[in-house]
Structures are given as structure tokens and as C-alpha cells.
Amino acid sequence: MLKRSIAAFVVLVMSSIGVALPAQALTTSTPTKNLVTVSWLKDNLADKNLVLIHVGDAGNSGYVRGHIEGAQFVDWTTELANSQESKLRNGIVPQSKFGGVAKRLGIANDSTVVLYAEGKSGLKATWGSWVFNLYGVSDVRILDGGLLKWVAAGNATTLAVPTAKAPGEFVPTNDSRDFRATIAEVIRNAQSKSKNRAIIVDTRDSASFQGTNVGTGLGAAAAAGHIASAKSIPTTSLLNTDGSFKSSAEIKAAYAAVGVTSTSKVLLYCGTGLLASASWFALTQILGYKNVKNYDGSWFEFSATGPKHLIDNPAAATK
């Protein structure tokens, strides 16, 4: 009791003289620092090392209708994705352009970057986390539940655009081979009989996996079904109804049920890579699994160009 009283007194004194106290970015859903709560963000908004990013689409963004104080806007379409890369993929912003984005945002080597999404799904924030990690940003986090949870907790938004930060000195590196799976890698593992092959996980809804839905974020896929040998774990099964992530124990159990452990090699896909980015976040940033990649070509690309014998369509088989 005495120790707790002394500790509380020290905190009070330090706060009163303006000494910044180290914040612990722990949330109710993960023991890692990469998923922050609304309360954590509220307590740390004034941190000079914080770079807060509102991820949206420039053509239809809620940023102009209200955003969290201090948040800078990043356009997912042009600053995190890259439609010029391929007609079959969302693509990833080129390294040189990402470097310019990071400089504009004021990202330094010791910055804490927190991304949040406008919508309930949070997918564009998890895609952002994937891209920021791929390009070597060392401290990237997302706001659990995004803007909607921030507002639901009674916190204010603003229309004011923040003062531009000094240009950041961060220089991106490219670790795409550790984060991004290619179609060749997926094909190799789908047809492999080796015990060391990667576990392929389809993160779409069950209707898409079963072959009764061919819709993707880029349009209708060229074929119905799923990649041969793939396991089905919908990204939505990892999320609560408010868009926040379920507990680390629940996520771990869901993947353990299909044989995925911390040492497994995992290749994730969905329709276009967005849903899979949230599952990538859950496995790598919440559970801390190291050998997990997002195949962002996903079903839209694979159904059009992948080997036909590696496409399973349960719906067709039952006709």
C-alpha cells in the first residue's frame, strides 16, 4: 500500500512540473503496442513524436467533415495503393513516392505513427500498416475501432487542418519479400506436398470461399471458388461488431484450429488484398507471428491467371 502511495505521489509531482510520462500503448485486445485504444490516443495526442494519420479516399473522404485533432490526411488510392501497377491488383505505392509522403507527414526515425480509418472495417488503416511496415517505418500502430469508436466514446472531432510538420528525415527501405507474396509463391505452395509448405488462408466470407459469390473490390472475379489447399478464416470473424479486433486469445485459437502457430509460414489472400491486410495485422501486429505475407493480387488476380487445376469450387461440385 505504501509503495503504491509513493508511486502515485511521484506521478502527481512529475505531472505538475510538466515532465512527460511514458505511455504504455496497451489495449484491451492485445498485449502488443501496435493496436492502441481511444483512451491511449487521447492521452498522447500532444506527444511531439506522434504522427496521426487519417486514411481515406480523396474523392469521398470524411476528413473534410471531421477528423481527430492533429490528424493529417493520407489518400489510400494514390498514397498507399497504386492502380498503375496492374489491372489485376490494387498495387502498392512505389518506394520513391512513399518517401515523399513520409516526408510531407513529418515522419522521423523516432516517430510513432498511428493510423486510423473512417469506416467501420478499418481495412484501409490495416493496409496502411502493412505498407508502412513494408517500407521500414519502425513504430506503426492503428487506432482500434478507428474514427467511429473515437466518436462513440464522446470525443470531439475538428474541421481544422493541422499546421504542417517540418519535413521528415525518414528514408524508406523495401522489405517486400518479407511482407508481400507473389502469385508464383502462392502457386508453388498450393501444389506442394512438403510438410514445410506455407499454409494458405482465404480471408473472404464463406460464400466467396464456397464459390457462390464472385464479387471483389475490383469487380467480379474470373472464376468462383478458392485456391486449392486454402483454409477459410474470414477476416470478419476476427473483429467485433464495432470494427475493433477480438482478443488475442480468440485470434490465436481461430488460426490454431487450421494448424497455424507462431512458427508457421502463412500466405493470406482475399479478393484484392484489403481484407487480408487486416488478418495480416492480427497475426503479425497482435500475435507477433513473424512469417506471414499478404498476397495482395489475391483472388481477383489468381482467378484470372492462376492454373485452373489449382482452383477449387465447392459450389460447382455439388451441382
C-alpha atoms as a PDB file:
ATOM      1  CA  MET A   1       0.000   0.000   0.000  1.00  0.00           C
ATOM      2  CA  LEU A   2       2.853   2.377   0.943  1.00  0.00           C
ATOM      3  CA  LYS A   3       4.640   1.634  -2.357  1.00  0.00           C
ATOM      4  CA  ARG A   4       1.503   2.433  -4.328  1.00  0.00           C
ATOM      5  CA  SER A   5       1.038   5.695  -2.421  1.00  0.00           C
ATOM      6  CA  ILE A   6       4.637   6.753  -3.066  1.00  0.00           C
ATOM      7  CA  ALA A   7       4.293   5.859  -6.759  1.00  0.00           C
ATOM      8  CA  ALA A   8       1.106   7.889  -7.041  1.00  0.00           C
ATOM      9  CA  PHE A   9       2.803  10.861  -5.336  1.00  0.00           C
ATOM     10  CA  VAL A  10       5.754  10.686  -7.766  1.00  0.00           C
ATOM     11  CA  VAL A  11       3.394  10.622 -10.742  1.00  0.00           C
ATOM     12  CA  LEU A  12       1.490  13.623  -9.367  1.00  0.00           C
ATOM     13  CA  VAL A  13       4.674  15.630  -8.814  1.00  0.00           C
ATOM     14  CA  MET A  14       6.100  14.791 -12.250  1.00  0.00           C
ATOM     15  CA  SER A  15       2.845  15.725 -13.936  1.00  0.00           C
ATOM     16  CA  SER A  16       2.637  19.015 -12.054  1.00  0.00           C
ATOM     17  CA  ILE A  17       6.090  20.124 -13.226  1.00  0.00           C
ATOM     18  CA  GLY A  18       5.438  19.187 -16.835  1.00  0.00           C
ATOM     19  CA  VAL A  19       7.522  16.028 -17.080  1.00  0.00           C
ATOM     20  CA  ALA A  20       6.126  13.751 -19.794  1.00  0.00           C
ATOM     21  CA  LEU A  21       5.326  10.322 -18.504  1.00  0.00           C
ATOM     22  CA  PRO A  22       5.973   7.305 -20.689  1.00  0.00           C
ATOM     23  CA  ALA A  23       2.725   5.956 -22.077  1.00  0.00           C
ATOM     24  CA  GLN A  24       2.025   2.268 -22.403  1.00  0.00           C
ATOM     25  CA  ALA A  25       0.250   1.568 -25.667  1.00  0.00           C
ATOM     26  CA  LEU A  26      -1.659  -1.387 -24.339  1.00  0.00           C
ATOM     27  CA  THR A  27      -5.202  -2.122 -25.374  1.00  0.00           C
ATOM     28  CA  THR A  28      -7.863  -4.423 -24.047  1.00  0.00           C
ATOM     29  CA  SER A  29      -7.440  -6.683 -27.050  1.00  0.00           C
ATOM     30  CA  THR A  30      -3.701  -7.201 -27.344  1.00  0.00           C
ATOM     31  CA  PRO A  31      -0.532  -7.270 -25.257  1.00  0.00           C
ATOM     32  CA  THR A  32       1.409  -5.618 -28.097  1.00  0.00           C
ATOM     33  CA  LYS A  33       1.890  -1.915 -28.643  1.00  0.00           C
ATOM     34  CA  ASN A  34       0.690  -1.872 -32.248  1.00  0.00           C
ATOM     35  CA  LEU A  35      -3.020  -1.542 -31.529  1.00  0.00           C
ATOM     36  CA  VAL A  36      -3.939   1.479 -29.444  1.00  0.00           C
ATOM     37  CA  THR A  37      -7.136   2.350 -27.643  1.00  0.00           C
ATOM     38  CA  VAL A  38      -9.153   5.529 -27.872  1.00  0.00           C
ATOM     39  CA  SER A  39      -8.089   6.431 -24.318  1.00  0.00           C
ATOM     40  CA  TRP A  40      -4.412   5.915 -25.145  1.00  0.00           C
ATOM     41  CA  LEU A  41      -4.656   8.174 -28.175  1.00  0.00           C
ATOM     42  CA  LYS A  42      -6.499  10.850 -26.213  1.00  0.00           C
ATOM     43  CA  ASP A  43      -3.736  10.820 -23.589  1.00  0.00           C
ATOM     44  CA  ASN A  44      -0.990  11.027 -26.203  1.00  0.00           C
ATOM     45  CA  LEU A  45      -2.332  13.499 -28.772  1.00  0.00           C
ATOM     46  CA  ALA A  46       0.120  16.174 -27.635  1.00  0.00           C
ATOM     47  CA  ASP A  47       3.163  13.925 -27.960  1.00  0.00           C
ATOM     48  CA  LYS A  48       5.596  15.634 -30.351  1.00  0.00           C
ATOM     49  CA  ASN A  49       6.732  12.278 -31.733  1.00  0.00           C
ATOM     50  CA  LEU A  50       3.184  11.293 -32.680  1.00  0.00           C
ATOM     51  CA  VAL A  51       2.235  11.358 -36.354  1.00  0.00           C
ATOM     52  CA  LEU A  52      -1.520  10.797 -36.534  1.00  0.00           C
ATOM     53  CA  ILE A  53      -2.909   9.804 -39.930  1.00  0.00           C
ATOM     54  CA  HIS A  54      -6.490   9.764 -41.158  1.00  0.00           C
ATOM     55  CA  VAL A  55      -6.699   7.265 -44.043  1.00  0.00           C
ATOM     56  CA  GLY A  56      -9.426   7.822 -46.605  1.00  0.00           C
ATOM     57  CA  ASP A  57     -10.157   8.312 -50.288  1.00  0.00           C
ATOM     58  CA  ALA A  58      -9.616  11.855 -51.522  1.00  0.00           C
ATOM     59  CA  GLY A  59     -12.666  11.739 -53.765  1.00  0.00           C
ATOM     60  CA  ASN A  60     -15.059  10.806 -50.954  1.00  0.00           C
ATOM     61  CA  SER A  61     -13.389  11.321 -47.611  1.00  0.00           C
ATOM     62  CA  GLY A  62     -14.929  12.111 -44.259  1.00  0.00           C
ATOM     63  CA  TYR A  63     -11.783  14.071 -43.350  1.00  0.00           C
ATOM     64  CA  VAL A  64     -13.335  17.343 -44.508  1.00  0.00           C
ATOM     65  CA  ARG A  65     -16.431  16.628 -42.405  1.00  0.00           C
ATOM     66  CA  GLY A  66     -14.468  15.992 -39.235  1.00  0.00           C
ATOM     67  CA  HIS A  67     -11.283  14.307 -38.064  1.00  0.00           C
ATOM     68  CA  ILE A  68      -9.291  13.821 -34.892  1.00  0.00           C
ATOM     69  CA  GLU A  69      -7.347  16.893 -33.838  1.00  0.00           C
ATOM     70  CA  GLY A  70      -3.844  16.892 -35.319  1.00  0.00           C
ATOM     71  CA  ALA A  71      -4.582  14.174 -37.863  1.00  0.00           C
ATOM     72  CA  GLN A  72      -3.089  14.543 -41.321  1.00  0.00           C
ATOM     73  CA  PHE A  73      -4.843  13.111 -44.344  1.00  0.00           C
ATOM     74  CA  VAL A  74      -3.468  10.299 -46.490  1.00  0.00           C
ATOM     75  CA  ASP A  75      -5.270   9.275 -49.656  1.00  0.00           C
ATOM     76  CA  TRP A  76      -5.380   5.489 -49.761  1.00  0.00           C
ATOM     77  CA  THR A  77      -5.890   5.369 -53.529  1.00  0.00           C
ATOM     78  CA  THR A  78      -2.833   7.394 -54.551  1.00  0.00           C
ATOM     79  CA  GLU A  79      -0.550   7.383 -51.491  1.00  0.00           C
ATOM     80  CA  LEU A  80      -0.856   3.795 -50.253  1.00  0.00           C
ATOM     81  CA  ALA A  81      -2.101   1.901 -53.307  1.00  0.00           C
ATOM     82  CA  ASN A  82      -1.052   2.112 -56.966  1.00  0.00           C
ATOM     83  CA  SER A  83      -3.600   1.346 -59.663  1.00  0.00           C
ATOM     84  CA  GLN A  84      -0.910   1.755 -62.334  1.00  0.00           C
ATOM     85  CA  GLU A  85       0.916  -1.344 -61.115  1.00  0.00           C
ATOM     86  CA  SER A  86      -1.572  -3.808 -62.592  1.00  0.00           C
ATOM     87  CA  LYS A  87      -5.182  -4.058 -63.703  1.00  0.00           C
ATOM     88  CA  LEU A  88      -5.417  -7.150 -61.511  1.00  0.00           C
ATOM     89  CA  ARG A  89      -4.197  -5.609 -58.246  1.00  0.00           C
ATOM     90  CA  ASN A  90      -4.696  -2.532 -56.099  1.00  0.00           C
ATOM     91  CA  GLY A  91      -0.917  -2.261 -56.129  1.00  0.00           C
ATOM     92  CA  ILE A  92       1.409  -0.654 -53.605  1.00  0.00           C
ATOM     93  CA  VAL A  93       2.588   2.948 -53.738  1.00  0.00           C
ATOM     94  CA  PRO A  94       6.130   2.998 -55.205  1.00  0.00           C
ATOM     95  CA  GLN A  95       9.004   3.411 -52.749  1.00  0.00           C
ATOM     96  CA  SER A  96      10.038   6.811 -54.100  1.00  0.00           C
ATOM     97  CA  LYS A  97       6.518   8.201 -53.814  1.00  0.00           C
ATOM     98  CA  PHE A  98       6.100   6.749 -50.330  1.00  0.00           C
ATOM     99  CA  GLY A  99       9.286   8.557 -49.342  1.00  0.00           C
ATOM    100  CA  GLY A 100       7.680  11.817 -50.437  1.00  0.00           C
ATOM    101  CA  VAL A 101       4.526  11.040 -48.470  1.00  0.00           C
ATOM    102  CA  ALA A 102       6.554  10.243 -45.348  1.00  0.00           C
ATOM    103  CA  LYS A 103       8.491  13.493 -45.743  1.00  0.00           C
ATOM    104  CA  ARG A 104       5.273  15.506 -46.104  1.00  0.00           C
ATOM    105  CA  LEU A 105       3.840  13.878 -42.991  1.00  0.00           C
ATOM    106  CA  GLY A 106       6.946  14.781 -40.995  1.00  0.00           C
ATOM    107  CA  ILE A 107       7.894  11.208 -40.184  1.00  0.00           C
ATOM    108  CA  ALA A 108      11.232  10.956 -38.421  1.00  0.00           C
ATOM    109  CA  ASN A 109      13.150   7.841 -37.497  1.00  0.00           C
ATOM    110  CA  ASP A 110      11.797   8.020 -33.939  1.00  0.00           C
ATOM    111  CA  SER A 111       8.197   8.903 -34.837  1.00  0.00           C
ATOM    112  CA  THR A 112       5.227   6.955 -33.542  1.00  0.00           C
ATOM    113  CA  VAL A 113       2.819   6.647 -36.460  1.00  0.00           C
ATOM    114  CA  VAL A 114      -0.836   5.978 -35.635  1.00  0.00           C
ATOM    115  CA  LEU A 115      -3.234   5.284 -38.479  1.00  0.00           C
ATOM    116  CA  TYR A 116      -6.995   5.276 -38.271  1.00  0.00           C
ATOM    117  CA  ALA A 117      -9.727   4.578 -40.792  1.00  0.00           C
ATOM    118  CA  GLU A 118     -13.002   6.385 -41.373  1.00  0.00           C
ATOM    119  CA  GLY A 119     -15.143   3.302 -41.789  1.00  0.00           C
ATOM    120  CA  LYS A 120     -16.197   0.511 -39.509  1.00  0.00           C
ATOM    121  CA  SER A 121     -13.993  -2.100 -41.179  1.00  0.00           C
ATOM    122  CA  GLY A 122     -10.687  -0.295 -40.662  1.00  0.00           C
ATOM    123  CA  LEU A 123      -9.260  -2.077 -43.705  1.00  0.00           C
ATOM    124  CA  LYS A 124      -7.522   0.918 -45.211  1.00  0.00           C
ATOM    125  CA  ALA A 125      -5.724   1.517 -41.920  1.00  0.00           C
ATOM    126  CA  THR A 126      -4.515  -2.092 -41.762  1.00  0.00           C
ATOM    127  CA  TRP A 127      -3.414  -1.841 -45.405  1.00  0.00           C
ATOM    128  CA  GLY A 128      -1.559   1.310 -44.364  1.00  0.00           C
ATOM    129  CA  SER A 129       0.139  -0.528 -41.512  1.00  0.00           C
ATOM    130  CA  TRP A 130       1.204  -3.249 -43.948  1.00  0.00           C
ATOM    131  CA  VAL A 131       2.662  -0.698 -46.394  1.00  0.00           C
ATOM    132  CA  PHE A 132       4.376   1.359 -43.671  1.00  0.00           C
ATOM    133  CA  ASN A 133       5.957  -1.804 -42.257  1.00  0.00           C
ATOM    134  CA  LEU A 134       6.972  -2.978 -45.719  1.00  0.00           C
ATOM    135  CA  TYR A 135       8.839   0.297 -46.226  1.00  0.00           C
ATOM    136  CA  GLY A 136      10.595   0.085 -42.879  1.00  0.00           C
ATOM    137  CA  VAL A 137       8.771   2.523 -40.578  1.00  0.00           C
ATOM    138  CA  SER A 138       9.747   1.185 -37.158  1.00  0.00           C
ATOM    139  CA  ASP A 139       6.790   2.224 -34.973  1.00  0.00           C
ATOM    140  CA  VAL A 140       3.429   1.877 -36.713  1.00  0.00           C
ATOM    141  CA  ARG A 141       0.163   1.451 -34.836  1.00  0.00           C
ATOM    142  CA  ILE A 142      -3.534   1.659 -35.609  1.00  0.00           C
ATOM    143  CA  LEU A 143      -6.406   3.025 -33.564  1.00  0.00           C
ATOM    144  CA  ASP A 144      -8.598   0.091 -32.606  1.00  0.00           C
ATOM    145  CA  GLY A 145     -12.096   0.772 -33.942  1.00  0.00           C
ATOM    146  CA  GLY A 146     -10.982   3.858 -35.852  1.00  0.00           C
ATOM    147  CA  LEU A 147     -12.770   7.171 -36.063  1.00  0.00           C
ATOM    148  CA  LEU A 148     -16.172   5.653 -35.323  1.00  0.00           C
ATOM    149  CA  LYS A 149     -15.032   4.321 -31.958  1.00  0.00           C
ATOM    150  CA  TRP A 150     -13.335   7.646 -31.173  1.00  0.00           C
ATOM    151  CA  VAL A 151     -16.619   9.480 -31.740  1.00  0.00           C
ATOM    152  CA  ALA A 152     -18.693   6.799 -29.974  1.00  0.00           C
ATOM    153  CA  ALA A 153     -16.579   7.367 -26.855  1.00  0.00           C
ATOM    154  CA  GLY A 154     -17.712  11.003 -26.795  1.00  0.00           C
ATOM    155  CA  ASN A 155     -14.565  12.561 -28.184  1.00  0.00           C
ATOM    156  CA  ALA A 156     -14.618  15.633 -30.378  1.00  0.00           C
ATOM    157  CA  THR A 157     -13.568  15.976 -33.993  1.00  0.00           C
ATOM    158  CA  THR A 158     -12.420  19.097 -35.788  1.00  0.00           C
ATOM    159  CA  LEU A 159     -12.529  20.651 -39.235  1.00  0.00           C
ATOM    160  CA  ALA A 160      -9.199  22.403 -38.722  1.00  0.00           C
ATOM    161  CA  VAL A 161      -6.294  21.210 -40.853  1.00  0.00           C
ATOM    162  CA  PRO A 162      -3.185  20.910 -38.647  1.00  0.00           C
ATOM    163  CA  THR A 163      -0.120  23.041 -39.189  1.00  0.00           C
ATOM    164  CA  ALA A 164       2.300  21.251 -41.475  1.00  0.00           C
ATOM    165  CA  LYS A 165       5.113  19.449 -39.692  1.00  0.00           C
ATOM    166  CA  ALA A 166       8.750  20.002 -40.542  1.00  0.00           C
ATOM    167  CA  PRO A 167       9.773  17.681 -43.383  1.00  0.00           C
ATOM    168  CA  GLY A 168      10.608  14.247 -42.022  1.00  0.00           C
ATOM    169  CA  GLU A 169      14.021  12.664 -42.483  1.00  0.00           C
ATOM    170  CA  PHE A 170      12.793   9.079 -42.660  1.00  0.00           C
ATOM    171  CA  VAL A 171      14.107   7.234 -45.739  1.00  0.00           C
ATOM    172  CA  PRO A 172      12.115   4.138 -46.750  1.00  0.00           C
ATOM    173  CA  THR A 173      13.642   0.753 -47.371  1.00  0.00           C
ATOM    174  CA  ASN A 174      11.925  -2.060 -49.270  1.00  0.00           C
ATOM    175  CA  ASP A 175      11.297  -5.337 -47.468  1.00  0.00           C
ATOM    176  CA  SER A 176       8.558  -6.506 -49.820  1.00  0.00           C
ATOM    177  CA  ARG A 177       9.813 -10.103 -49.937  1.00  0.00           C
ATOM    178  CA  ASP A 178       9.077 -10.405 -46.205  1.00  0.00           C
ATOM    179  CA  PHE A 179       5.606  -8.885 -46.410  1.00  0.00           C
ATOM    180  CA  ARG A 180       4.218  -9.413 -49.903  1.00  0.00           C
ATOM    181  CA  ALA A 181       3.538 -12.765 -51.543  1.00  0.00           C
ATOM    182  CA  THR A 182       3.635 -13.178 -55.317  1.00  0.00           C
ATOM    183  CA  ILE A 183       1.362 -15.399 -57.387  1.00  0.00           C
ATOM    184  CA  ALA A 184       4.355 -17.639 -58.148  1.00  0.00           C
ATOM    185  CA  GLU A 185       4.911 -18.170 -54.422  1.00  0.00           C
ATOM    186  CA  VAL A 186       1.233 -18.979 -53.903  1.00  0.00           C
ATOM    187  CA  ILE A 187       1.202 -21.461 -56.793  1.00  0.00           C
ATOM    188  CA  ARG A 188       4.339 -23.170 -55.524  1.00  0.00           C
ATOM    189  CA  ASN A 189       2.865 -23.690 -52.064  1.00  0.00           C
ATOM    190  CA  ALA A 190      -0.626 -24.614 -53.299  1.00  0.00           C
ATOM    191  CA  GLN A 191       0.751 -27.551 -55.238  1.00  0.00           C
ATOM    192  CA  SER A 192       3.485 -28.520 -52.776  1.00  0.00           C
ATOM    193  CA  LYS A 193       3.228 -31.712 -50.726  1.00  0.00           C
ATOM    194  CA  SER A 194       6.044 -30.691 -48.393  1.00  0.00           C
ATOM    195  CA  LYS A 195       5.413 -30.510 -44.653  1.00  0.00           C
ATOM    196  CA  ASN A 196       7.250 -27.182 -44.714  1.00  0.00           C
ATOM    197  CA  ARG A 197       4.927 -25.544 -47.233  1.00  0.00           C
ATOM    198  CA  ALA A 198       3.146 -22.362 -46.266  1.00  0.00           C
ATOM    199  CA  ILE A 199      -0.442 -22.550 -45.046  1.00  0.00           C
ATOM    200  CA  ILE A 200      -2.659 -20.610 -47.436  1.00  0.00           C
ATOM    201  CA  VAL A 201      -5.581 -18.842 -45.751  1.00  0.00           C
ATOM    202  CA  ASP A 202      -8.584 -17.368 -47.546  1.00  0.00           C
ATOM    203  CA  THR A 203      -9.883 -14.395 -45.532  1.00  0.00           C
ATOM    204  CA  ARG A 204     -13.045 -13.734 -47.590  1.00  0.00           C
ATOM    205  CA  ASP A 205     -16.544 -14.614 -46.444  1.00  0.00           C
ATOM    206  CA  SER A 206     -17.723 -18.206 -46.624  1.00  0.00           C
ATOM    207  CA  ALA A 207     -19.900 -17.569 -49.708  1.00  0.00           C
ATOM    208  CA  SER A 208     -16.841 -16.455 -51.670  1.00  0.00           C
ATOM    209  CA  PHE A 209     -14.808 -19.414 -50.429  1.00  0.00           C
ATOM    210  CA  GLN A 210     -17.597 -21.846 -51.332  1.00  0.00           C
ATOM    211  CA  GLY A 211     -17.955 -20.380 -54.816  1.00  0.00           C
ATOM    212  CA  THR A 212     -21.383 -18.768 -54.592  1.00  0.00           C
ATOM    213  CA  ASN A 213     -20.055 -15.191 -54.678  1.00  0.00           C
ATOM    214  CA  VAL A 214     -17.537 -13.885 -57.231  1.00  0.00           C
ATOM    215  CA  GLY A 215     -17.560 -10.228 -56.200  1.00  0.00           C
ATOM    216  CA  THR A 216     -14.345  -8.429 -55.199  1.00  0.00           C
ATOM    217  CA  GLY A 217     -13.380  -4.833 -54.577  1.00  0.00           C
ATOM    218  CA  LEU A 218     -12.141  -4.627 -58.177  1.00  0.00           C
ATOM    219  CA  GLY A 219     -15.194  -6.251 -59.739  1.00  0.00           C
ATOM    220  CA  ALA A 220     -16.332  -9.774 -60.457  1.00  0.00           C
ATOM    221  CA  ALA A 221     -13.582 -12.392 -60.352  1.00  0.00           C
ATOM    222  CA  ALA A 222     -12.864 -14.502 -63.438  1.00  0.00           C
ATOM    223  CA  ALA A 223     -13.830 -17.684 -61.596  1.00  0.00           C
ATOM    224  CA  ALA A 224     -15.626 -18.830 -58.466  1.00  0.00           C
ATOM    225  CA  GLY A 225     -14.153 -20.802 -55.597  1.00  0.00           C
ATOM    226  CA  HIS A 226     -10.824 -20.668 -53.811  1.00  0.00           C
ATOM    227  CA  ILE A 227      -7.154 -21.558 -54.152  1.00  0.00           C
ATOM    228  CA  ALA A 228      -6.509 -25.276 -53.746  1.00  0.00           C
ATOM    229  CA  SER A 229      -5.474 -26.308 -50.202  1.00  0.00           C
ATOM    230  CA  ALA A 230      -6.567 -22.951 -48.731  1.00  0.00           C
ATOM    231  CA  LYS A 231      -8.139 -22.802 -45.280  1.00  0.00           C
ATOM    232  CA  SER A 232     -11.055 -20.455 -44.620  1.00  0.00           C
ATOM    233  CA  ILE A 233     -10.819 -17.891 -41.821  1.00  0.00           C
ATOM    234  CA  PRO A 234     -12.890 -14.810 -42.708  1.00  0.00           C
ATOM    235  CA  THR A 235     -11.343 -11.567 -41.529  1.00  0.00           C
ATOM    236  CA  THR A 236     -14.745 -10.567 -40.178  1.00  0.00           C
ATOM    237  CA  SER A 237     -14.546 -13.446 -37.695  1.00  0.00           C
ATOM    238  CA  LEU A 238     -11.570 -11.687 -36.075  1.00  0.00           C
ATOM    239  CA  LEU A 239     -13.478  -8.455 -35.497  1.00  0.00           C
ATOM    240  CA  ASN A 240     -16.065  -7.275 -33.004  1.00  0.00           C
ATOM    241  CA  THR A 241     -19.313  -5.675 -34.164  1.00  0.00           C
ATOM    242  CA  ASP A 242     -17.842  -2.181 -33.698  1.00  0.00           C
ATOM    243  CA  GLY A 243     -14.929  -2.968 -36.019  1.00  0.00           C
ATOM    244  CA  SER A 244     -12.342  -3.400 -33.265  1.00  0.00           C
ATOM    245  CA  PHE A 245     -10.243  -6.551 -33.055  1.00  0.00           C
ATOM    246  CA  LYS A 246     -11.213  -9.515 -30.926  1.00  0.00           C
ATOM    247  CA  SER A 247      -8.894 -10.659 -28.145  1.00  0.00           C
ATOM    248  CA  SER A 248      -5.504 -12.106 -28.955  1.00  0.00           C
ATOM    249  CA  ALA A 249      -6.646 -15.403 -27.421  1.00  0.00           C
ATOM    250  CA  GLU A 250      -9.621 -15.600 -29.810  1.00  0.00           C
ATOM    251  CA  ILE A 251      -7.483 -14.771 -32.843  1.00  0.00           C
ATOM    252  CA  LYS A 252      -4.854 -17.300 -31.834  1.00  0.00           C
ATOM    253  CA  ALA A 253      -7.478 -20.014 -31.349  1.00  0.00           C
ATOM    254  CA  ALA A 254      -9.074 -19.344 -34.741  1.00  0.00           C
ATOM    255  CA  TYR A 255      -5.775 -19.846 -36.522  1.00  0.00           C
ATOM    256  CA  ALA A 256      -4.664 -22.748 -34.348  1.00  0.00           C
ATOM    257  CA  ALA A 257      -7.806 -24.569 -35.487  1.00  0.00           C
ATOM    258  CA  VAL A 258      -6.381 -24.742 -39.025  1.00  0.00           C
ATOM    259  CA  GLY A 259      -2.853 -25.578 -37.896  1.00  0.00           C
ATOM    260  CA  VAL A 260      -1.296 -22.108 -37.780  1.00  0.00           C
ATOM    261  CA  THR A 261       1.153 -21.486 -34.937  1.00  0.00           C
ATOM    262  CA  SER A 262       3.790 -18.844 -34.264  1.00  0.00           C
ATOM    263  CA  THR A 263       6.319 -20.781 -36.358  1.00  0.00           C
ATOM    264  CA  SER A 264       4.075 -21.413 -39.373  1.00  0.00           C
ATOM    265  CA  LYS A 265       4.609 -19.874 -42.777  1.00  0.00           C
ATOM    266  CA  VAL A 266       1.335 -18.236 -43.796  1.00  0.00           C
ATOM    267  CA  LEU A 267       0.120 -16.742 -47.078  1.00  0.00           C
ATOM    268  CA  LEU A 268      -3.069 -14.696 -46.774  1.00  0.00           C
ATOM    269  CA  TYR A 269      -5.417 -13.648 -49.545  1.00  0.00           C
ATOM    270  CA  CYS A 270      -8.902 -12.267 -50.067  1.00  0.00           C
ATOM    271  CA  GLY A 271     -10.479 -10.582 -53.090  1.00  0.00           C
ATOM    272  CA  THR A 272      -7.976  -7.756 -53.542  1.00  0.00           C
ATOM    273  CA  GLY A 273      -5.663  -7.806 -50.500  1.00  0.00           C
ATOM    274  CA  LEU A 274      -7.618  -5.412 -48.272  1.00  0.00           C
ATOM    275  CA  LEU A 275      -9.373  -7.957 -46.068  1.00  0.00           C
ATOM    276  CA  ALA A 276      -6.163  -9.966 -45.953  1.00  0.00           C
ATOM    277  CA  SER A 277      -4.273  -6.905 -44.669  1.00  0.00           C
ATOM    278  CA  ALA A 278      -6.464  -6.938 -41.543  1.00  0.00           C
ATOM    279  CA  SER A 279      -5.722 -10.619 -40.984  1.00  0.00           C
ATOM    280  CA  TRP A 280      -2.027  -9.863 -41.601  1.00  0.00           C
ATOM    281  CA  PHE A 281      -2.280  -7.196 -38.893  1.00  0.00           C
ATOM    282  CA  ALA A 282      -3.965  -9.607 -36.495  1.00  0.00           C
ATOM    283  CA  LEU A 283      -1.305 -12.285 -36.958  1.00  0.00           C
ATOM    284  CA  THR A 284       1.813 -10.111 -37.074  1.00  0.00           C
ATOM    285  CA  GLN A 285       1.000  -6.988 -35.072  1.00  0.00           C
ATOM    286  CA  ILE A 286      -1.262  -8.523 -32.428  1.00  0.00           C
ATOM    287  CA  LEU A 287       0.019 -12.089 -32.088  1.00  0.00           C
ATOM    288  CA  GLY A 288       3.572 -11.279 -33.145  1.00  0.00           C
ATOM    289  CA  TYR A 289       3.861 -14.066 -35.750  1.00  0.00           C
ATOM    290  CA  LYS A 290       6.853 -13.430 -37.996  1.00  0.00           C
ATOM    291  CA  ASN A 291       6.421 -15.419 -41.200  1.00  0.00           C
ATOM    292  CA  VAL A 292       3.173 -14.057 -42.618  1.00  0.00           C
ATOM    293  CA  LYS A 293       2.639 -12.470 -46.030  1.00  0.00           C
ATOM    294  CA  ASN A 294      -0.258 -10.783 -47.763  1.00  0.00           C
ATOM    295  CA  TYR A 295      -0.874 -11.959 -51.327  1.00  0.00           C
ATOM    296  CA  ASP A 296      -2.419  -8.703 -52.491  1.00  0.00           C
ATOM    297  CA  GLY A 297      -3.063  -9.982 -56.022  1.00  0.00           C
ATOM    298  CA  SER A 298      -5.489 -12.250 -54.201  1.00  0.00           C
ATOM    299  CA  TRP A 299      -8.482 -13.936 -55.806  1.00  0.00           C
ATOM    300  CA  PHE A 300      -9.019 -11.253 -58.453  1.00  0.00           C
ATOM    301  CA  GLU A 301      -5.582 -11.956 -59.924  1.00  0.00           C
ATOM    302  CA  PHE A 302      -5.404 -15.687 -59.199  1.00  0.00           C
ATOM    303  CA  SER A 303      -8.805 -16.480 -60.704  1.00  0.00           C
ATOM    304  CA  ALA A 304      -7.740 -14.767 -63.935  1.00  0.00           C
ATOM    305  CA  THR A 305      -4.172 -16.006 -64.311  1.00  0.00           C
ATOM    306  CA  GLY A 306      -3.605 -18.876 -61.878  1.00  0.00           C
ATOM    307  CA  PRO A 307      -3.560 -22.526 -63.006  1.00  0.00           C
ATOM    308  CA  LYS A 308      -7.105 -23.819 -63.405  1.00  0.00           C
ATOM    309  CA  HIS A 309      -6.279 -27.086 -61.634  1.00  0.00           C
ATOM    310  CA  LEU A 310      -5.457 -25.061 -58.508  1.00  0.00           C
ATOM    311  CA  ILE A 311      -8.947 -23.572 -58.319  1.00  0.00           C
ATOM    312  CA  ASP A 312     -11.427 -25.462 -56.149  1.00  0.00           C
ATOM    313  CA  ASN A 313     -15.119 -24.623 -56.463  1.00  0.00           C
ATOM    314  CA  PRO A 314     -17.251 -26.446 -53.893  1.00  0.00           C
ATOM    315  CA  ALA A 315     -20.470 -24.933 -55.286  1.00  0.00           C
ATOM    316  CA  ALA A 316     -19.814 -26.393 -58.733  1.00  0.00           C
ATOM    317  CA  ALA A 317     -19.021 -29.794 -57.256  1.00  0.00           C
ATOM    318  CA  THR A 318     -22.468 -30.024 -55.633  1.00  0.00           C
ATOM    319  CA  LYS A 319     -24.420 -29.317 -58.822  1.00  0.00           C
END
